[in-house]
Each structure stands twice: as structure tokens, then as C-alpha cells.
Amino acid sequence: MTATATPAVPGAPGAPGAPGTPAGSAAGGRAASRPGAAALLVLGSCTSLQAGAALATRLFPVTGASGATLLRLALAAAVLLGLARPRVRAWRPAQWRAVGLYGLSLAGTNGFFYAALARLPLGTAVTIQFLGPLTLAAVLSRRGRDAGWVLLAAAGVLTLGLAGQHGGGAGRSLDPAGVACALVSAAFWALYIVAGSRASAAVSGRGGLAVAMTVGALALLPFGAQGAWHVTGRPHLLLIALGTAVLASVVPYTLELAAMRRAPRRVFGILLSLEPAVATLAGWVLLGQRTPLAAVPAIAVVILASAGAALTARAPAPA
């Protein structure tokens, strides 16, 4: 959940290999040519993120979706601010803008996703949400091979979406409000990819992520404060909220920012096609949401496309 307006122009500001970005340094250039490492980082991110999403559903009856999202981002921001201790006084206006947009994209992506998750099975919600980064990856692709992997991943995602109505029977129709929330989250997820790339280039380390989490929590405060307040005086709910923050925010976004520096942006977008498969598995294991047999080959297709994109990724040209 990465891209810039000029992804295919080596040396352009924010492009892979550009001076002044993580990929522009010698170490960054070497990291950017390691798609295998990026694949492992994205897989770890997907697994942690979906485990956190499954845990968050335990908060919904008390806090509502917006309250759970606010708790997740606020607690994650507190953890990251304590670890990173960003020196924000030295930031330039351009850095603040990049991190601020990143924070707003976090708020939109997570807020609407949790609203969808309250109405749809986990695998189905993620499958619909994934249309955002998948579309972005297709738009950014400049090679026929990359387009082929995108099309293969799209076929798997669409098949998984058709087979993913496993929340209450194969013939059950999807909640229209849940589908709408997932689609809005998909748009914010595409924005997150763009904003996350620029923020990781503008601010090194976890400081930018910590401040972005804070911005996202502040943006959600008017919508989730009342629900979040209901966990006060309930230690077990606070522990669930803290676990959700760590599993669904601190761990996956830290891993994703590292992955953004190790693969071209279009490849990173394709790698995220692992998300629907991991979400369907998490829904089955953690939430008891049964997966139809028709979804199994779809998951295999999505994983094949992700692995193929990682194995055939081309290192960015030197600046």
C-alpha cells in the first residue's frame, strides 16, 4: 500500500535511482535491486496486517469501525513516536507536505477498510480493496512482461472475489454499503502507495511514518472519538487495541517502507497481490470464515503472479 508521477524516468525526483532518495545512494541502489527481499518483506507485512485486522473485529461491537481505526492509528503513532523520536523541527515544508499526505492516505485507507470489514468477510473486503493498487500497478507498468503479471494477478483477484462470498453461504449477496466502503478504501490505498513512496524519500527512517500515523489519527478523531472512549476502564479491550495497532500498523508499514526501497514501484504494487490470498487464509484460520474450493486455484494464480513479478523484476537504471 508505492509510486510517483514519474516512475520510469531514472534520475527524476522521487524516481528509483534518483539522487537524494533512498534508492539514489549506493546502498539504496543495491537494495532496490533485491526484489526477493522485497517479496519477503511484503509477505510479512500482509500476514501481520491481516492478523491485526482479524483481531480488530473483536473491537467493533464496542467501539465501532471508526473507533477501532482511531485506536489502531493513535496507539501505533504513540509506539512509533517513542521509538523514532523524529526531529520535526528540522523538517522543510516539502517534507511536511509529503508526510501529511501520507497520513491522510493512511486515515482514508484504514477508516473505510474497517467500515467494509464490519459488513463483509475479510477475504472479500481485501479483494475488492486491492483493485486500487492493482489498477495503479497496471497504469505504471511500461513493459509487456509486467502487464502480463498484472493481468494474471487480476484474473486471480477477480476469481477470488467471485468465490469469496463465504461469510454466510455461496449464494449470499454482498452488502452494497460494504462494497462501497471497500472501493473508497481502494482509491485511498492507491493514494497511499504514491504518498508512501514520496514520504519514504523525503524522510528517512521511521520518523516520517510516526508523524504520518499521528496525522491520520488526528484526521479520524472527529469520527472515532466516541467509540474509542468506550474502551477506557476495560484493560482487556485496551490490550486488544494495542495488539491491533502493533500487528496492523507498526509491523506492516515498517516492513512496507523497507520493501519500497528494495523493488521498483510497479513491482511493489504487483507484490501486494499477495494480500487477498493472505486475507482469505486469515479469515478462515482466525475468524472461521469458510473458503469455497473455487477460491483455491484463484489464490494459487495470485501467488504465482506475485512470485513471477518478483523473479523477473528489472533493477532500476543508475542515476
Protein backbone atom coordinates (compact mmCIF):
# COMPACT_ATOMS: atom_id res chain seq x y z
CA MET A 1 0.00 0.00 0.00
CA THR A 2 4.43 2.89 -3.94
CA ALA A 3 4.64 5.06 -6.90
CA THR A 4 5.38 8.53 -8.12
CA ALA A 5 4.22 10.62 -11.04
CA THR A 6 7.44 9.82 -12.93
CA PRO A 7 8.18 6.20 -12.08
CA ALA A 8 10.00 5.25 -15.27
CA VAL A 9 12.40 8.19 -15.54
CA PRO A 10 15.74 7.37 -13.90
CA GLY A 11 17.12 10.34 -12.06
CA ALA A 12 13.80 12.15 -11.83
CA PRO A 13 12.84 13.41 -8.39
CA GLY A 14 11.32 10.56 -6.43
CA ALA A 15 12.06 8.00 -9.13
CA PRO A 16 14.06 4.85 -8.45
CA GLY A 17 17.74 5.70 -8.58
CA ALA A 18 17.21 9.42 -8.15
CA PRO A 19 19.80 11.33 -6.12
CA GLY A 20 18.53 12.30 -2.72
CA THR A 21 16.18 9.31 -2.40
CA PRO A 22 16.87 6.02 -0.62
CA ALA A 23 17.37 4.34 -3.99
CA GLY A 24 19.74 7.04 -5.10
CA SER A 25 22.55 6.25 -2.69
CA ALA A 26 24.93 3.36 -3.29
CA ALA A 27 23.36 1.31 -0.55
CA GLY A 28 19.89 2.24 -1.73
CA GLY A 29 20.76 1.25 -5.30
CA ARG A 30 21.85 -2.17 -4.12
CA ALA A 31 18.72 -2.56 -2.02
CA ALA A 32 16.48 -1.56 -4.91
CA SER A 33 17.85 -4.47 -6.99
CA ARG A 34 16.73 -7.13 -4.46
CA PRO A 35 13.13 -7.99 -5.36
CA GLY A 36 13.40 -11.31 -3.49
CA ALA A 37 13.98 -9.47 -0.21
CA ALA A 38 11.11 -7.14 -1.06
CA ALA A 39 8.82 -10.12 -1.61
CA LEU A 40 9.63 -11.50 1.84
CA LEU A 41 9.04 -8.10 3.41
CA VAL A 42 5.67 -7.72 1.69
CA LEU A 43 4.65 -11.25 2.70
CA GLY A 44 5.48 -10.47 6.32
CA SER A 45 3.56 -7.23 6.05
CA CYS A 46 0.47 -8.93 4.59
CA THR A 47 0.47 -11.63 7.26
CA SER A 48 0.80 -9.18 10.14
CA LEU A 49 -1.76 -6.79 8.64
CA GLN A 50 -4.46 -9.42 8.21
CA ALA A 51 -3.86 -10.90 11.66
CA GLY A 52 -4.33 -7.40 13.06
CA ALA A 53 -7.49 -6.90 11.02
CA ALA A 54 -8.93 -10.15 12.36
CA LEU A 55 -8.09 -9.02 15.90
CA ALA A 56 -9.72 -5.63 15.30
CA THR A 57 -13.10 -7.26 14.61
CA ARG A 58 -13.29 -8.01 18.34
CA LEU A 59 -13.41 -4.28 18.99
CA PHE A 60 -16.24 -3.50 16.56
CA PRO A 61 -19.15 -4.40 18.87
CA VAL A 62 -17.87 -1.87 21.44
CA THR A 63 -16.03 0.83 19.50
CA GLY A 64 -17.50 0.60 16.02
CA ALA A 65 -15.30 0.56 12.93
CA SER A 66 -14.23 4.23 13.20
CA GLY A 67 -13.36 3.90 16.88
CA ALA A 68 -11.26 0.80 16.23
CA THR A 69 -9.43 2.59 13.40
CA LEU A 70 -8.70 5.59 15.61
CA LEU A 71 -7.36 3.38 18.40
CA ARG A 72 -5.20 1.49 15.94
CA LEU A 73 -3.56 4.58 14.44
CA ALA A 74 -3.28 6.51 17.71
CA LEU A 75 -1.63 3.66 19.63
CA ALA A 76 0.63 2.85 16.69
CA ALA A 77 1.64 6.52 16.50
CA ALA A 78 2.49 6.54 20.21
CA VAL A 79 4.68 3.44 19.82
CA LEU A 80 6.47 4.77 16.74
CA LEU A 81 6.99 8.26 18.16
CA GLY A 82 8.63 6.70 21.21
CA LEU A 83 10.91 4.55 19.06
CA ALA A 84 11.77 7.01 16.28
CA ARG A 85 11.78 10.37 18.13
CA PRO A 86 11.62 12.32 14.84
CA ARG A 87 13.38 15.68 14.73
CA VAL A 88 10.49 17.50 13.14
CA ARG A 89 11.88 20.99 13.86
CA ALA A 90 14.42 20.48 11.09
CA TRP A 91 11.84 19.38 8.51
CA ARG A 92 11.31 21.52 5.45
CA PRO A 93 7.80 22.41 4.19
CA ALA A 94 8.10 19.85 1.38
CA GLN A 95 8.77 17.13 3.93
CA TRP A 96 5.76 18.16 6.00
CA ARG A 97 3.55 18.08 2.90
CA ALA A 98 4.76 14.61 1.92
CA VAL A 99 4.26 13.20 5.41
CA GLY A 100 0.91 14.97 5.83
CA LEU A 101 -0.48 13.50 2.61
CA TYR A 102 0.83 10.10 3.69
CA GLY A 103 -1.05 10.44 6.99
CA LEU A 104 -4.31 11.39 5.31
CA SER A 105 -4.00 8.43 2.96
CA LEU A 106 -3.49 6.17 5.98
CA ALA A 107 -6.63 7.53 7.60
CA GLY A 108 -8.74 7.05 4.48
CA THR A 109 -7.41 3.60 3.63
CA ASN A 110 -7.86 2.18 7.10
CA GLY A 111 -11.06 4.01 8.03
CA PHE A 112 -13.01 2.86 5.01
CA PHE A 113 -11.47 -0.62 5.10
CA TYR A 114 -12.62 -1.22 8.66
CA ALA A 115 -16.07 0.08 7.72
CA ALA A 116 -16.08 -2.52 4.91
CA LEU A 117 -14.75 -5.22 7.23
CA ALA A 118 -17.70 -4.68 9.55
CA ARG A 119 -20.01 -5.66 6.65
CA LEU A 120 -18.01 -8.10 4.50
CA PRO A 121 -15.84 -11.20 5.02
CA LEU A 122 -12.15 -10.37 5.42
CA GLY A 123 -11.03 -12.01 2.16
CA THR A 124 -13.78 -10.37 0.13
CA ALA A 125 -13.13 -6.91 1.60
CA VAL A 126 -9.42 -7.12 0.85
CA THR A 127 -10.05 -8.49 -2.65
CA ILE A 128 -12.23 -5.50 -3.55
CA GLN A 129 -9.86 -3.09 -1.82
CA PHE A 130 -6.97 -4.49 -3.82
CA LEU A 131 -8.41 -3.06 -7.03
CA GLY A 132 -6.72 0.21 -6.02
CA PRO A 133 -3.07 -0.89 -6.03
CA LEU A 134 -3.69 -3.37 -8.85
CA THR A 135 -5.02 -0.61 -11.09
CA LEU A 136 -2.12 1.63 -10.12
CA ALA A 137 0.37 -1.11 -10.93
CA ALA A 138 -1.21 -1.55 -14.37
CA VAL A 139 -1.07 2.20 -15.04
CA LEU A 140 2.59 2.43 -14.03
CA SER A 141 3.74 -0.60 -16.00
CA ARG A 142 5.90 0.15 -19.04
CA ARG A 143 6.87 -3.40 -20.11
CA GLY A 144 4.76 -6.11 -21.66
CA ARG A 145 6.02 -8.66 -19.15
CA ASP A 146 4.88 -6.53 -16.22
CA ALA A 147 1.49 -6.04 -17.83
CA GLY A 148 1.22 -9.81 -18.19
CA TRP A 149 1.79 -10.33 -14.48
CA VAL A 150 -0.77 -7.65 -13.69
CA LEU A 151 -3.34 -9.35 -15.92
CA LEU A 152 -2.62 -12.73 -14.34
CA ALA A 153 -2.98 -11.24 -10.86
CA ALA A 154 -6.19 -9.50 -11.93
CA ALA A 155 -7.66 -12.80 -13.12
CA GLY A 156 -6.87 -14.39 -9.77
CA VAL A 157 -8.23 -11.45 -7.79
CA LEU A 158 -11.48 -11.36 -9.76
CA THR A 159 -11.96 -15.11 -9.39
CA LEU A 160 -11.23 -14.88 -5.68
CA GLY A 161 -13.74 -12.06 -5.38
CA LEU A 162 -16.45 -14.14 -7.07
CA ALA A 163 -15.70 -17.12 -4.84
CA GLY A 164 -15.16 -15.04 -1.73
CA GLN A 165 -18.76 -14.80 -0.57
CA HIS A 166 -18.01 -17.26 2.18
CA GLY A 167 -19.39 -15.29 5.09
CA GLY A 168 -22.78 -16.93 5.09
CA GLY A 169 -23.24 -19.17 2.08
CA ALA A 170 -22.19 -19.23 -1.54
CA GLY A 171 -25.31 -17.54 -2.80
CA ARG A 172 -25.39 -14.66 -0.38
CA SER A 173 -25.20 -11.23 -1.96
CA LEU A 174 -22.63 -8.73 -0.78
CA ASP A 175 -23.63 -5.76 1.36
CA PRO A 176 -23.71 -2.73 -1.02
CA ALA A 177 -22.50 -0.36 1.70
CA GLY A 178 -19.61 -2.69 2.46
CA VAL A 179 -18.67 -2.89 -1.21
CA ALA A 180 -18.81 0.92 -1.50
CA CYS A 181 -16.56 1.34 1.55
CA ALA A 182 -14.09 -1.19 0.13
CA LEU A 183 -13.98 0.67 -3.20
CA VAL A 184 -13.34 4.01 -1.48
CA SER A 185 -10.61 2.33 0.56
CA ALA A 186 -9.15 1.01 -2.70
CA ALA A 187 -8.82 4.56 -4.02
CA PHE A 188 -7.14 5.69 -0.80
CA TRP A 189 -4.83 2.67 -0.97
CA ALA A 190 -3.61 3.77 -4.39
CA LEU A 191 -3.01 7.23 -2.92
CA TYR A 192 -1.17 5.58 -0.02
CA ILE A 193 1.21 3.89 -2.46
CA VAL A 194 2.05 7.21 -4.10
CA ALA A 195 2.26 9.16 -0.84
CA GLY A 196 4.24 6.45 0.95
CA SER A 197 6.88 6.44 -1.77
CA ARG A 198 7.29 10.20 -1.57
CA ALA A 199 7.31 10.23 2.23
CA SER A 200 9.94 7.48 2.41
CA ALA A 201 12.11 9.50 0.02
CA ALA A 202 11.56 12.78 1.88
CA VAL A 203 12.14 11.49 5.42
CA SER A 204 14.49 8.62 6.21
CA GLY A 205 13.83 6.08 8.93
CA ARG A 206 10.61 5.62 10.86
CA GLY A 207 10.19 9.27 11.82
CA GLY A 208 8.03 10.07 8.82
CA LEU A 209 5.84 7.04 9.46
CA ALA A 210 5.39 8.02 13.12
CA VAL A 211 4.28 11.54 12.25
CA ALA A 212 2.05 10.26 9.43
CA MET A 213 0.32 7.93 11.90
CA THR A 214 -0.26 10.92 14.17
CA VAL A 215 -1.75 12.92 11.30
CA GLY A 216 -4.01 10.01 10.41
CA ALA A 217 -5.22 9.63 13.99
CA LEU A 218 -5.99 13.36 14.24
CA ALA A 219 -7.94 13.19 10.98
CA LEU A 220 -10.08 10.35 12.38
CA LEU A 221 -10.60 11.95 15.79
CA PRO A 222 -13.99 13.58 14.97
CA PHE A 223 -15.38 10.28 13.66
CA GLY A 224 -14.00 7.73 16.12
CA ALA A 225 -13.52 9.52 19.43
CA GLN A 226 -16.87 8.50 20.89
CA GLY A 227 -16.40 4.83 20.04
CA ALA A 228 -12.78 4.76 21.17
CA TRP A 229 -13.78 6.24 24.52
CA HIS A 230 -15.74 3.07 25.31
CA VAL A 231 -12.51 1.08 25.88
CA THR A 232 -11.49 3.22 28.85
CA GLY A 233 -11.64 1.21 32.05
CA ARG A 234 -11.58 -2.07 30.10
CA PRO A 235 -8.00 -3.42 30.21
CA HIS A 236 -8.72 -6.43 28.00
CA LEU A 237 -10.05 -4.19 25.22
CA LEU A 238 -7.05 -1.88 25.55
CA LEU A 239 -4.77 -4.90 25.11
CA ILE A 240 -6.69 -5.95 22.00
CA ALA A 241 -6.42 -2.39 20.65
CA LEU A 242 -2.68 -2.33 21.34
CA GLY A 243 -2.21 -5.71 19.65
CA THR A 244 -4.18 -4.45 16.66
CA ALA A 245 -2.00 -1.33 16.47
CA VAL A 246 1.23 -3.33 16.51
CA LEU A 247 0.12 -6.10 14.14
CA ALA A 248 -1.88 -3.94 11.72
CA SER A 249 0.19 -0.74 11.69
CA VAL A 250 3.63 -0.75 13.31
CA VAL A 251 4.88 -4.02 11.84
CA PRO A 252 3.34 -3.98 8.32
CA TYR A 253 4.01 -0.33 7.49
CA THR A 254 7.60 -0.58 8.73
CA LEU A 255 8.11 -3.63 6.52
CA GLU A 256 6.44 -1.95 3.55
CA LEU A 257 8.62 1.15 3.78
CA ALA A 258 11.64 -1.16 3.71
CA ALA A 259 10.17 -3.03 0.72
CA MET A 260 9.60 0.26 -1.12
CA ARG A 261 13.39 0.75 -1.12
CA ARG A 262 14.12 -2.72 -2.49
CA ALA A 263 11.93 -3.02 -5.60
CA PRO A 264 10.70 -0.81 -8.43
CA ARG A 265 7.41 0.82 -7.58
CA ARG A 266 5.42 -1.05 -10.22
CA VAL A 267 6.77 -4.38 -8.88
CA PHE A 268 5.89 -3.38 -5.32
CA GLY A 269 2.31 -2.81 -6.42
CA ILE A 270 2.14 -6.24 -8.03
CA LEU A 271 3.66 -7.90 -4.96
CA LEU A 272 0.73 -6.63 -2.95
CA SER A 273 -1.43 -9.12 -4.86
CA LEU A 274 -0.49 -11.48 -2.04
CA GLU A 275 -2.90 -9.52 0.14
CA PRO A 276 -6.22 -11.18 -0.92
CA ALA A 277 -4.75 -14.66 -0.53
CA VAL A 278 -3.36 -13.93 2.94
CA ALA A 279 -6.61 -12.25 3.96
CA THR A 280 -8.70 -15.24 2.86
CA LEU A 281 -6.42 -17.57 4.81
CA ALA A 282 -6.58 -15.31 7.89
CA GLY A 283 -10.37 -15.17 7.66
CA TRP A 284 -10.53 -18.96 7.61
CA VAL A 285 -7.98 -19.61 10.38
CA LEU A 286 -8.75 -16.71 12.73
CA LEU A 287 -12.42 -15.93 12.07
CA GLY A 288 -13.83 -19.26 10.90
CA GLN A 289 -14.88 -17.85 7.51
CA ARG A 290 -15.03 -20.85 5.18
CA THR A 291 -13.32 -20.59 1.82
CA PRO A 292 -15.01 -22.25 -1.20
CA LEU A 293 -12.93 -24.75 -3.17
CA ALA A 294 -13.23 -22.45 -6.19
CA ALA A 295 -11.07 -19.90 -4.35
CA VAL A 296 -8.07 -22.24 -4.01
CA PRO A 297 -6.90 -22.06 -7.66
CA ALA A 298 -7.55 -18.30 -7.62
CA ILE A 299 -5.23 -17.92 -4.63
CA ALA A 300 -2.60 -20.00 -6.44
CA VAL A 301 -2.85 -17.75 -9.51
CA VAL A 302 -2.41 -14.62 -7.40
CA ILE A 303 0.65 -16.06 -5.65
CA LEU A 304 2.11 -17.16 -9.00
CA ALA A 305 1.73 -13.66 -10.39
CA SER A 306 3.38 -12.14 -7.33
CA ALA A 307 6.29 -14.57 -7.44
CA GLY A 308 6.73 -14.04 -11.17
CA ALA A 309 6.81 -10.27 -10.75
CA ALA A 310 9.49 -10.57 -8.06
CA LEU A 311 11.64 -13.04 -10.02
CA THR A 312 11.56 -11.08 -13.28
CA ALA A 313 11.89 -7.59 -11.78
CA ARG A 314 14.44 -5.38 -13.53
CA ALA A 315 16.77 -3.31 -11.40
CA PRO A 316 16.38 0.47 -11.94
CA ALA A 317 18.93 2.14 -14.18
CA PRO A 318 21.74 4.01 -12.36
CA ALA A 319 21.14 7.71 -11.91
